[in-house]
Each structure stands twice: as structure tokens, then as C-alpha cells.
Amino acid sequence: MLIASLFSGLLGEKLPGKGTIYLGQTITFLKPVFIDEEVTASVEITHIRKDKPIYTLKTICETNLNGIVIKGEAVVKKSI
């Protein structure tokens, strides 16, 4: 869960950015992450609702050693 917490930092600071409200998150833990491993977290917008500022994003964490270690989906709302 510590590694998955990287997503909230990305969503709140970068994409979609300040004012982001978490509506939900699904997470699948695929492989272990070991001490001193470098982890890269990324998010990608897969859907934007037309009627409200609600975004669905693909979420991935990966390491150089094990590849993708966490994958999931987040749903967030950008407050105006």
C-alpha cells in the first residue's frame, strides 16, 4: 500500500492537478517491491465524462527489476 500511495501524489499535484478529489481506486498487486528498489508511478487518462469534470485514469507502478508491480484504475473529480 505504501507504493500505491504514490498515485495520490500524482493525481493531486500533476494530473489532473490541484483540487482533485478521489472518488475511487482499484488496485491489483502483481509482484513484490523490495527495499532500495526504484519505483516509477504513472497515470494515464482513459476517459473524461462530458457532463462533469470526472476523469478515469489507468494507474501503474513499475520497477526496473520486476516490471509492472501494481496496476489499477482511479476515478477522480476535478473541483472547479
PDB file of N, CA and C in Angstrom:
ATOM      1  N   MET A   1       0.828  -1.202   0.000  1.00  0.00           N
ATOM      2  CA  MET A   1       0.000   0.000   0.000  1.00  0.00           C
ATOM      3  C   MET A   1       0.866   1.257   0.000  1.00  0.00           C
ATOM      4  N   LEU A   2       2.045   1.169   0.594  1.00  0.00           N
ATOM      5  CA  LEU A   2       2.922   2.340   0.605  1.00  0.00           C
ATOM      6  C   LEU A   2       3.271   2.761  -0.824  1.00  0.00           C
ATOM      7  N   ILE A   3       3.570   1.797  -1.674  1.00  0.00           N
ATOM      8  CA  ILE A   3       3.895   2.105  -3.064  1.00  0.00           C
ATOM      9  C   ILE A   3       2.668   2.670  -3.791  1.00  0.00           C
ATOM     10  N   ALA A   4       1.497   2.118  -3.552  1.00  0.00           N
ATOM     11  CA  ALA A   4       0.274   2.589  -4.204  1.00  0.00           C
ATOM     12  C   ALA A   4      -0.074   4.028  -3.799  1.00  0.00           C
ATOM     13  N   SER A   5       0.433   4.476  -2.657  1.00  0.00           N
ATOM     14  CA  SER A   5       0.150   5.850  -2.227  1.00  0.00           C
ATOM     15  C   SER A   5       0.794   6.879  -3.156  1.00  0.00           C
ATOM     16  N   LEU A   6       1.722   6.461  -3.997  1.00  0.00           N
ATOM     17  CA  LEU A   6       2.320   7.378  -4.971  1.00  0.00           C
ATOM     18  C   LEU A   6       1.270   7.945  -5.929  1.00  0.00           C
ATOM     19  N   PHE A   7       0.215   7.179  -6.173  1.00  0.00           N
ATOM     20  CA  PHE A   7      -0.831   7.644  -7.089  1.00  0.00           C
ATOM     21  C   PHE A   7      -1.501   8.919  -6.591  1.00  0.00           C
ATOM     22  N   SER A   8      -1.771   9.000  -5.306  1.00  0.00           N
ATOM     23  CA  SER A   8      -2.468  10.190  -4.797  1.00  0.00           C
ATOM     24  C   SER A   8      -1.611  11.442  -4.978  1.00  0.00           C
ATOM     25  N   GLY A   9      -0.302  11.317  -4.844  1.00  0.00           N
ATOM     26  CA  GLY A   9       0.580  12.452  -5.089  1.00  0.00           C
ATOM     27  C   GLY A   9       0.547  12.903  -6.543  1.00  0.00           C
ATOM     28  N   LEU A  10       0.578  11.943  -7.447  1.00  0.00           N
ATOM     29  CA  LEU A  10       0.500  12.273  -8.874  1.00  0.00           C
ATOM     30  C   LEU A  10      -0.820  12.936  -9.226  1.00  0.00           C
ATOM     31  N   LEU A  11      -1.910  12.376  -8.720  1.00  0.00           N
ATOM     32  CA  LEU A  11      -3.235  12.903  -9.057  1.00  0.00           C
ATOM     33  C   LEU A  11      -3.452  14.286  -8.465  1.00  0.00           C
ATOM     34  N   GLY A  12      -2.974  14.518  -7.261  1.00  0.00           N
ATOM     35  CA  GLY A  12      -3.185  15.806  -6.611  1.00  0.00           C
ATOM     36  C   GLY A  12      -2.261  16.910  -7.084  1.00  0.00           C
ATOM     37  N   GLU A  13      -1.076  16.537  -7.591  1.00  0.00           N
ATOM     38  CA  GLU A  13      -0.098  17.540  -7.986  1.00  0.00           C
ATOM     39  C   GLU A  13       0.064  17.705  -9.495  1.00  0.00           C
ATOM     40  N   LYS A  14      -0.110  16.629 -10.253  1.00  0.00           N
ATOM     41  CA  LYS A  14       0.215  16.679 -11.682  1.00  0.00           C
ATOM     42  C   LYS A  14      -0.979  16.486 -12.607  1.00  0.00           C
ATOM     43  N   LEU A  15      -1.688  15.393 -12.453  1.00  0.00           N
ATOM     44  CA  LEU A  15      -2.729  15.055 -13.423  1.00  0.00           C
ATOM     45  C   LEU A  15      -3.946  14.490 -12.716  1.00  0.00           C
ATOM     46  N   PRO A  16      -5.067  15.113 -12.621  1.00  0.00           N
ATOM     47  CA  PRO A  16      -5.405  16.385 -13.227  1.00  0.00           C
ATOM     48  C   PRO A  16      -4.888  17.603 -12.462  1.00  0.00           C
ATOM     49  N   GLY A  17      -4.405  17.450 -11.212  1.00  0.00           N
ATOM     50  CA  GLY A  17      -3.765  18.570 -10.524  1.00  0.00           C
ATOM     51  C   GLY A  17      -4.503  19.033  -9.273  1.00  0.00           C
ATOM     52  N   LYS A  18      -4.166  20.241  -8.850  1.00  0.00           N
ATOM     53  CA  LYS A  18      -4.733  20.821  -7.624  1.00  0.00           C
ATOM     54  C   LYS A  18      -6.255  20.795  -7.666  1.00  0.00           C
ATOM     55  N   GLY A  19      -6.846  20.477  -6.532  1.00  0.00           N
ATOM     56  CA  GLY A  19      -8.301  20.429  -6.440  1.00  0.00           C
ATOM     57  C   GLY A  19      -8.891  19.082  -6.814  1.00  0.00           C
ATOM     58  N   THR A  20      -8.042  18.070  -6.986  1.00  0.00           N
ATOM     59  CA  THR A  20      -8.528  16.737  -7.341  1.00  0.00           C
ATOM     60  C   THR A  20      -9.147  16.052  -6.128  1.00  0.00           C
ATOM     61  N   ILE A  21     -10.308  15.441  -6.327  1.00  0.00           N
ATOM     62  CA  ILE A  21     -10.997  14.696  -5.274  1.00  0.00           C
ATOM     63  C   ILE A  21     -11.070  13.238  -5.712  1.00  0.00           C
ATOM     64  N   TYR A  22     -10.515  12.348  -4.873  1.00  0.00           N
ATOM     65  CA  TYR A  22     -10.548  10.909  -5.157  1.00  0.00           C
ATOM     66  C   TYR A  22     -11.979  10.392  -5.019  1.00  0.00           C
ATOM     67  N   LEU A  23     -12.506   9.735  -6.020  1.00  0.00           N
ATOM     68  CA  LEU A  23     -13.822   9.108  -5.937  1.00  0.00           C
ATOM     69  C   LEU A  23     -13.706   7.600  -5.751  1.00  0.00           C
ATOM     70  N   GLY A  24     -12.615   7.018  -6.267  1.00  0.00           N
ATOM     71  CA  GLY A  24     -12.431   5.578  -6.125  1.00  0.00           C
ATOM     72  C   GLY A  24     -11.119   5.121  -6.724  1.00  0.00           C
ATOM     73  N   GLN A  25     -10.671   3.941  -6.301  1.00  0.00           N
ATOM     74  CA  GLN A  25      -9.419   3.369  -6.808  1.00  0.00           C
ATOM     75  C   GLN A  25      -9.495   1.854  -6.717  1.00  0.00           C
ATOM     76  N   THR A  26      -9.155   1.175  -7.797  1.00  0.00           N
ATOM     77  CA  THR A  26      -8.972  -0.268  -7.742  1.00  0.00           C
ATOM     78  C   THR A  26      -7.481  -0.530  -7.917  1.00  0.00           C
ATOM     79  N   ILE A  27      -6.972  -1.514  -7.185  1.00  0.00           N
ATOM     80  CA  ILE A  27      -5.544  -1.819  -7.213  1.00  0.00           C
ATOM     81  C   ILE A  27      -5.360  -3.327  -7.257  1.00  0.00           C
ATOM     82  N   THR A  28      -4.467  -3.773  -8.142  1.00  0.00           N
ATOM     83  CA  THR A  28      -4.064  -5.175  -8.181  1.00  0.00           C
ATOM     84  C   THR A  28      -2.561  -5.226  -7.938  1.00  0.00           C
ATOM     85  N   PHE A  29      -2.155  -5.952  -6.891  1.00  0.00           N
ATOM     86  CA  PHE A  29      -0.746  -6.113  -6.560  1.00  0.00           C
ATOM     87  C   PHE A  29      -0.233  -7.348  -7.295  1.00  0.00           C
ATOM     88  N   LEU A  30       0.695  -7.155  -8.229  1.00  0.00           N
ATOM     89  CA  LEU A  30       1.153  -8.236  -9.094  1.00  0.00           C
ATOM     90  C   LEU A  30       2.442  -8.902  -8.608  1.00  0.00           C
ATOM     91  N   LYS A  31       3.371  -8.093  -8.097  1.00  0.00           N
ATOM     92  CA  LYS A  31       4.678  -8.594  -7.669  1.00  0.00           C
ATOM     93  C   LYS A  31       5.152  -7.801  -6.466  1.00  0.00           C
ATOM     94  N   PRO A  32       6.082  -8.359  -5.683  1.00  0.00           N
ATOM     95  CA  PRO A  32       6.602  -7.624  -4.524  1.00  0.00           C
ATOM     96  C   PRO A  32       7.549  -6.506  -4.948  1.00  0.00           C
ATOM     97  N   VAL A  33       7.689  -5.525  -4.064  1.00  0.00           N
ATOM     98  CA  VAL A  33       8.672  -4.451  -4.221  1.00  0.00           C
ATOM     99  C   VAL A  33       9.608  -4.548  -3.028  1.00  0.00           C
ATOM    100  N   PHE A  34      10.896  -4.534  -3.299  1.00  0.00           N
ATOM    101  CA  PHE A  34      11.888  -4.729  -2.254  1.00  0.00           C
ATOM    102  C   PHE A  34      12.535  -3.413  -1.840  1.00  0.00           C
ATOM    103  N   ILE A  35      13.112  -3.391  -0.656  1.00  0.00           N
ATOM    104  CA  ILE A  35      13.801  -2.213  -0.130  1.00  0.00           C
ATOM    105  C   ILE A  35      14.891  -1.798  -1.107  1.00  0.00           C
ATOM    106  N   ASP A  36      15.028  -0.510  -1.317  1.00  0.00           N
ATOM    107  CA  ASP A  36      16.024   0.105  -2.196  1.00  0.00           C
ATOM    108  C   ASP A  36      15.717  -0.060  -3.686  1.00  0.00           C
ATOM    109  N   GLU A  37      14.570  -0.631  -4.048  1.00  0.00           N
ATOM    110  CA  GLU A  37      14.185  -0.689  -5.457  1.00  0.00           C
ATOM    111  C   GLU A  37      13.623   0.663  -5.872  1.00  0.00           C
ATOM    112  N   GLU A  38      13.977   1.105  -7.054  1.00  0.00           N
ATOM    113  CA  GLU A  38      13.430   2.345  -7.596  1.00  0.00           C
ATOM    114  C   GLU A  38      12.069   2.043  -8.220  1.00  0.00           C
ATOM    115  N   VAL A  39      11.069   2.849  -7.861  1.00  0.00           N
ATOM    116  CA  VAL A  39       9.698   2.640  -8.331  1.00  0.00           C
ATOM    117  C   VAL A  39       9.269   3.846  -9.161  1.00  0.00           C
ATOM    118  N   THR A  40       8.637   3.579 -10.287  1.00  0.00           N
ATOM    119  CA  THR A  40       8.071   4.632 -11.123  1.00  0.00           C
ATOM    120  C   THR A  40       6.561   4.464 -11.142  1.00  0.00           C
ATOM    121  N   ALA A  41       5.847   5.516 -10.745  1.00  0.00           N
ATOM    122  CA  ALA A  41       4.382   5.513 -10.770  1.00  0.00           C
ATOM    123  C   ALA A  41       3.929   6.371 -11.944  1.00  0.00           C
ATOM    124  N   SER A  42       2.910   5.902 -12.656  1.00  0.00           N
ATOM    125  CA  SER A  42       2.382   6.688 -13.772  1.00  0.00           C
ATOM    126  C   SER A  42       0.865   6.574 -13.821  1.00  0.00           C
ATOM    127  N   VAL A  43       0.244   7.628 -14.330  1.00  0.00           N
ATOM    128  CA  VAL A  43      -1.197   7.648 -14.528  1.00  0.00           C
ATOM    129  C   VAL A  43      -1.466   8.126 -15.949  1.00  0.00           C
ATOM    130  N   GLU A  44      -2.540   7.610 -16.525  1.00  0.00           N
ATOM    131  CA  GLU A  44      -2.924   7.983 -17.885  1.00  0.00           C
ATOM    132  C   GLU A  44      -4.435   8.134 -17.938  1.00  0.00           C
ATOM    133  N   ILE A  45      -4.901   9.274 -18.410  1.00  0.00           N
ATOM    134  CA  ILE A  45      -6.344   9.493 -18.535  1.00  0.00           C
ATOM    135  C   ILE A  45      -6.894   8.592 -19.630  1.00  0.00           C
ATOM    136  N   THR A  46      -7.904   7.800 -19.286  1.00  0.00           N
ATOM    137  CA  THR A  46      -8.530   6.909 -20.263  1.00  0.00           C
ATOM    138  C   THR A  46      -9.933   7.359 -20.643  1.00  0.00           C
ATOM    139  N   HIS A  47     -10.550   8.192 -19.781  1.00  0.00           N
ATOM    140  CA  HIS A  47     -11.906   8.662 -20.083  1.00  0.00           C
ATOM    141  C   HIS A  47     -12.180   9.952 -19.323  1.00  0.00           C
ATOM    142  N   ILE A  48     -12.860  10.884 -19.974  1.00  0.00           N
ATOM    143  CA  ILE A  48     -13.337  12.121 -19.351  1.00  0.00           C
ATOM    144  C   ILE A  48     -14.825  12.213 -19.615  1.00  0.00           C
ATOM    145  N   ARG A  49     -15.598  12.347 -18.539  1.00  0.00           N
ATOM    146  CA  ARG A  49     -17.047  12.500 -18.730  1.00  0.00           C
ATOM    147  C   ARG A  49     -17.348  13.839 -19.375  1.00  0.00           C
ATOM    148  N   LYS A  50     -18.316  13.840 -20.246  1.00  0.00           N
ATOM    149  CA  LYS A  50     -18.681  15.064 -20.963  1.00  0.00           C
ATOM    150  C   LYS A  50     -19.533  16.003 -20.100  1.00  0.00           C
ATOM    151  N   ASP A  51     -20.315  15.428 -19.168  1.00  0.00           N
ATOM    152  CA  ASP A  51     -21.243  16.240 -18.391  1.00  0.00           C
ATOM    153  C   ASP A  51     -20.656  16.774 -17.083  1.00  0.00           C
ATOM    154  N   LYS A  52     -19.549  16.190 -16.596  1.00  0.00           N
ATOM    155  CA  LYS A  52     -18.941  16.610 -15.330  1.00  0.00           C
ATOM    156  C   LYS A  52     -17.425  16.464 -15.440  1.00  0.00           C
ATOM    157  N   PRO A  53     -16.674  17.195 -14.619  1.00  0.00           N
ATOM    158  CA  PRO A  53     -15.213  17.062 -14.658  1.00  0.00           C
ATOM    159  C   PRO A  53     -14.739  15.816 -13.897  1.00  0.00           C
ATOM    160  N   ILE A  54     -15.158  14.640 -14.379  1.00  0.00           N
ATOM    161  CA  ILE A  54     -14.778  13.365 -13.760  1.00  0.00           C
ATOM    162  C   ILE A  54     -13.899  12.597 -14.737  1.00  0.00           C
ATOM    163  N   TYR A  55     -12.751  12.175 -14.216  1.00  0.00           N
ATOM    164  CA  TYR A  55     -11.737  11.511 -15.030  1.00  0.00           C
ATOM    165  C   TYR A  55     -11.544  10.066 -14.556  1.00  0.00           C
ATOM    166  N   THR A  56     -11.359   9.154 -15.497  1.00  0.00           N
ATOM    167  CA  THR A  56     -10.950   7.787 -15.207  1.00  0.00           C
ATOM    168  C   THR A  56      -9.514   7.654 -15.697  1.00  0.00           C
ATOM    169  N   LEU A  57      -8.650   7.105 -14.838  1.00  0.00           N
ATOM    170  CA  LEU A  57      -7.238   7.006 -15.171  1.00  0.00           C
ATOM    171  C   LEU A  57      -6.709   5.597 -14.948  1.00  0.00           C
ATOM    172  N   LYS A  58      -5.840   5.156 -15.843  1.00  0.00           N
ATOM    173  CA  LYS A  58      -5.106   3.908 -15.660  1.00  0.00           C
ATOM    174  C   LYS A  58      -3.922   4.231 -14.750  1.00  0.00           C
ATOM    175  N   THR A  59      -3.685   3.394 -13.736  1.00  0.00           N
ATOM    176  CA  THR A  59      -2.596   3.619 -12.792  1.00  0.00           C
ATOM    177  C   THR A  59      -1.642   2.430 -12.819  1.00  0.00           C
ATOM    178  N   ILE A  60      -0.336   2.718 -12.883  1.00  0.00           N
ATOM    179  CA  ILE A  60       0.679   1.666 -12.945  1.00  0.00           C
ATOM    180  C   ILE A  60       1.884   2.067 -12.104  1.00  0.00           C
ATOM    181  N   CYS A  61       2.441   1.104 -11.367  1.00  0.00           N
ATOM    182  CA  CYS A  61       3.741   1.254 -10.715  1.00  0.00           C
ATOM    183  C   CYS A  61       4.642   0.157 -11.263  1.00  0.00           C
ATOM    184  N   GLU A  62       5.880   0.526 -11.595  1.00  0.00           N
ATOM    185  CA  GLU A  62       6.808  -0.473 -12.098  1.00  0.00           C
ATOM    186  C   GLU A  62       8.203  -0.243 -11.539  1.00  0.00           C
ATOM    187  N   THR A  63       8.993  -1.316 -11.550  1.00  0.00           N
ATOM    188  CA  THR A  63      10.385  -1.257 -11.113  1.00  0.00           C
ATOM    189  C   THR A  63      11.272  -1.753 -12.245  1.00  0.00           C
ATOM    190  N   ASN A  64      12.547  -1.405 -12.181  1.00  0.00           N
ATOM    191  CA  ASN A  64      13.489  -1.875 -13.198  1.00  0.00           C
ATOM    192  C   ASN A  64      13.646  -3.387 -13.132  1.00  0.00           C
ATOM    193  N   LEU A  65      13.594  -3.950 -11.938  1.00  0.00           N
ATOM    194  CA  LEU A  65      13.846  -5.376 -11.736  1.00  0.00           C
ATOM    195  C   LEU A  65      12.638  -6.251 -12.094  1.00  0.00           C
ATOM    196  N   ASN A  66      11.438  -5.845 -11.657  1.00  0.00           N
ATOM    197  CA  ASN A  66      10.248  -6.693 -11.785  1.00  0.00           C
ATOM    198  C   ASN A  66       9.217  -6.210 -12.795  1.00  0.00           C
ATOM    199  N   GLY A  67       9.448  -5.110 -13.472  1.00  0.00           N
ATOM    200  CA  GLY A  67       8.446  -4.583 -14.414  1.00  0.00           C
ATOM    201  C   GLY A  67       7.238  -4.040 -13.667  1.00  0.00           C
ATOM    202  N   ILE A  68       6.048  -4.288 -14.184  1.00  0.00           N
ATOM    203  CA  ILE A  68       4.829  -3.775 -13.552  1.00  0.00           C
ATOM    204  C   ILE A  68       4.552  -4.557 -12.275  1.00  0.00           C
ATOM    205  N   VAL A  69       4.467  -3.836 -11.152  1.00  0.00           N
ATOM    206  CA  VAL A  69       4.226  -4.471  -9.855  1.00  0.00           C
ATOM    207  C   VAL A  69       2.835  -4.164  -9.308  1.00  0.00           C
ATOM    208  N   ILE A  70       2.245  -3.042  -9.742  1.00  0.00           N
ATOM    209  CA  ILE A  70       0.897  -2.651  -9.325  1.00  0.00           C
ATOM    210  C   ILE A  70       0.188  -2.072 -10.540  1.00  0.00           C
ATOM    211  N   LYS A  71      -1.069  -2.466 -10.737  1.00  0.00           N
ATOM    212  CA  LYS A  71      -1.871  -1.833 -11.784  1.00  0.00           C
ATOM    213  C   LYS A  71      -3.271  -1.609 -11.249  1.00  0.00           C
ATOM    214  N   GLY A  72      -3.968  -0.661 -11.837  1.00  0.00           N
ATOM    215  CA  GLY A  72      -5.325  -0.389 -11.378  1.00  0.00           C
ATOM    216  C   GLY A  72      -5.963   0.733 -12.152  1.00  0.00           C
ATOM    217  N   GLU A  73      -7.013   1.276 -11.547  1.00  0.00           N
ATOM    218  CA  GLU A  73      -7.777   2.342 -12.165  1.00  0.00           C
ATOM    219  C   GLU A  73      -8.245   3.293 -11.072  1.00  0.00           C
ATOM    220  N   ALA A  74      -8.158   4.583 -11.354  1.00  0.00           N
ATOM    221  CA  ALA A  74      -8.631   5.601 -10.415  1.00  0.00           C
ATOM    222  C   ALA A  74      -9.736   6.419 -11.073  1.00  0.00           C
ATOM    223  N   VAL A  75     -10.684   6.868 -10.258  1.00  0.00           N
ATOM    224  CA  VAL A  75     -11.723   7.789 -10.723  1.00  0.00           C
ATOM    225  C   VAL A  75     -11.635   9.008  -9.821  1.00  0.00           C
ATOM    226  N   VAL A  76     -11.464  10.175 -10.444  1.00  0.00           N
ATOM    227  CA  VAL A  76     -11.293  11.410  -9.685  1.00  0.00           C
ATOM    228  C   VAL A  76     -12.185  12.499 -10.269  1.00  0.00           C
ATOM    229  N   LYS A  77     -12.427  13.503  -9.432  1.00  0.00           N
ATOM    230  CA  LYS A  77     -13.181  14.678  -9.874  1.00  0.00           C
ATOM    231  C   LYS A  77     -12.297  15.890  -9.682  1.00  0.00           C
ATOM    232  N   LYS A  78     -12.264  16.735 -10.674  1.00  0.00           N
ATOM    233  CA  LYS A  78     -11.505  17.976 -10.593  1.00  0.00           C
ATOM    234  C   LYS A  78     -12.455  19.066 -10.126  1.00  0.00           C
ATOM    235  N   SER A  79     -12.215  19.599  -8.920  1.00  0.00           N
ATOM    236  CA  SER A  79     -13.092  20.673  -8.438  1.00  0.00           C
ATOM    237  C   SER A  79     -12.733  21.960  -9.152  1.00  0.00           C
ATOM    238  N   ILE A  80     -13.731  22.759  -9.383  1.00  0.00           N
ATOM    239  CA  ILE A  80     -13.527  23.995 -10.163  1.00  0.00           C
ATOM    240  C   ILE A  80     -13.296  25.161  -9.251  1.00  0.00           C
TER     241      ILE A  80
END
